[in-house]
Amino acid sequence: MPDRNPGGANLVEVEVRIDGRACRVPAGTSVAAALTIALGVRGTRGSVQGMPRTMLCGMGICQECRVGIDGRAHVLACQTTCRDGMRIDTTWNPES
């Protein structure tokens, strides 16, 4: 399924669940970008001191963007494309 029609209009969206909350994002969006859309880059995990940590490099080197995806731990959000129905779990969630 193409992300856009040939003219670039009518962007297709997918629905993901981030920490149990439904979020619609454009098809082709990275999980890191979806987290930014849904959470406003609050953080994806916590440091040993409990401070929020989030994506730094955007290319998989720093590994700061690790999240759980569909029950699999430590997946790099910046290197993973969202797909419809995906469950994304951050390990740092101040609302939980």
Protein backbone atom coordinates (compact mmCIF):
# COMPACT_ATOMS: atom_id res chain seq x y z
CA MET A 1 0.00 0.00 0.00
CA PRO A 2 1.58 3.31 -1.04
CA ASP A 3 1.93 6.05 1.55
CA ARG A 4 0.51 8.70 -0.77
CA ASN A 5 -1.37 8.93 -4.01
CA PRO A 6 0.71 10.01 -7.05
CA GLY A 7 -0.11 13.68 -6.44
CA GLY A 8 1.11 13.56 -2.84
CA ALA A 9 -2.32 14.35 -1.34
CA ASN A 10 -4.57 12.18 0.83
CA LEU A 11 -1.89 11.00 3.21
CA VAL A 12 -2.65 7.53 4.54
CA GLU A 13 -2.55 7.16 8.32
CA VAL A 14 -1.96 4.21 10.61
CA GLU A 15 -3.14 3.81 14.18
CA VAL A 16 -0.66 2.81 16.88
CA ARG A 17 -1.14 2.48 20.64
CA ILE A 18 1.42 4.31 22.74
CA ASP A 19 1.31 3.30 26.39
CA GLY A 20 -2.25 2.13 25.75
CA ARG A 21 -3.39 5.37 24.11
CA ALA A 22 -4.50 5.33 20.46
CA CYS A 23 -2.63 7.70 18.16
CA ARG A 24 -2.95 8.20 14.40
CA VAL A 25 0.22 9.06 12.48
CA PRO A 26 1.07 9.30 8.78
CA ALA A 27 2.09 5.99 7.19
CA GLY A 28 5.87 5.76 6.99
CA THR A 29 6.38 7.63 10.27
CA SER A 30 9.15 6.32 12.52
CA VAL A 31 8.18 5.21 16.01
CA ALA A 32 10.42 8.01 17.37
CA ALA A 33 8.44 10.59 15.38
CA ALA A 34 5.15 9.04 16.54
CA LEU A 35 6.34 9.39 20.14
CA THR A 36 7.08 13.05 19.47
CA ILE A 37 3.61 13.54 17.99
CA ALA A 38 1.86 11.73 20.86
CA LEU A 39 4.04 12.60 23.85
CA GLY A 40 5.70 15.83 22.82
CA VAL A 41 9.15 14.25 23.43
CA ARG A 42 8.67 13.95 27.19
CA GLY A 43 10.85 10.88 27.28
CA THR A 44 10.82 7.23 26.34
CA ARG A 45 12.57 5.81 29.37
CA GLY A 46 14.19 6.91 32.61
CA SER A 47 17.76 7.19 33.80
CA VAL A 48 18.89 5.53 37.03
CA GLN A 49 18.10 8.81 38.78
CA GLY A 50 14.57 8.78 37.33
CA MET A 51 15.20 11.59 34.84
CA PRO A 52 13.53 11.32 31.41
CA ARG A 53 15.65 10.05 28.51
CA THR A 54 14.73 10.31 24.85
CA MET A 55 16.14 10.04 21.33
CA LEU A 56 19.44 11.81 20.76
CA CYS A 57 21.11 10.79 17.50
CA GLY A 58 18.17 9.64 15.35
CA MET A 59 20.25 6.94 13.66
CA GLY A 60 20.38 4.07 16.17
CA ILE A 61 23.84 4.70 17.62
CA CYS A 62 22.99 6.23 21.01
CA GLN A 63 20.21 3.71 21.78
CA GLU A 64 18.41 6.33 23.90
CA CYS A 65 15.16 5.74 21.99
CA ARG A 66 14.66 2.13 23.11
CA VAL A 67 11.01 1.17 23.60
CA GLY A 68 8.92 -1.98 23.74
CA ILE A 69 7.08 -2.83 20.53
CA ASP A 70 4.43 -5.53 20.41
CA GLY A 71 5.89 -7.15 23.52
CA ARG A 72 9.51 -7.06 22.33
CA ALA A 73 11.84 -5.00 24.55
CA HIS A 74 14.67 -2.61 23.59
CA VAL A 75 13.56 -1.85 20.02
CA LEU A 76 15.12 1.29 18.52
CA ALA A 77 12.27 3.74 17.90
CA CYS A 78 14.28 5.84 15.45
CA GLN A 79 14.92 2.82 13.21
CA THR A 80 11.41 1.33 13.27
CA THR A 81 8.51 2.34 11.02
CA CYS A 82 5.01 2.45 12.50
CA ARG A 83 2.50 -0.08 11.22
CA ASP A 84 -1.21 -0.23 11.82
CA GLY A 85 -2.09 -1.81 15.17
CA MET A 86 1.45 -1.57 16.59
CA ARG A 87 1.68 -1.46 20.41
CA ILE A 88 4.46 0.82 21.67
CA ASP A 89 5.39 0.84 25.35
CA THR A 90 7.75 3.39 26.84
CA THR A 91 9.50 2.50 30.07
CA TRP A 92 9.31 6.04 31.37
CA ASN A 93 5.72 7.16 31.70
CA PRO A 94 5.05 9.77 34.39
CA GLU A 95 1.29 9.21 34.11
CA SER A 96 1.46 5.55 35.15
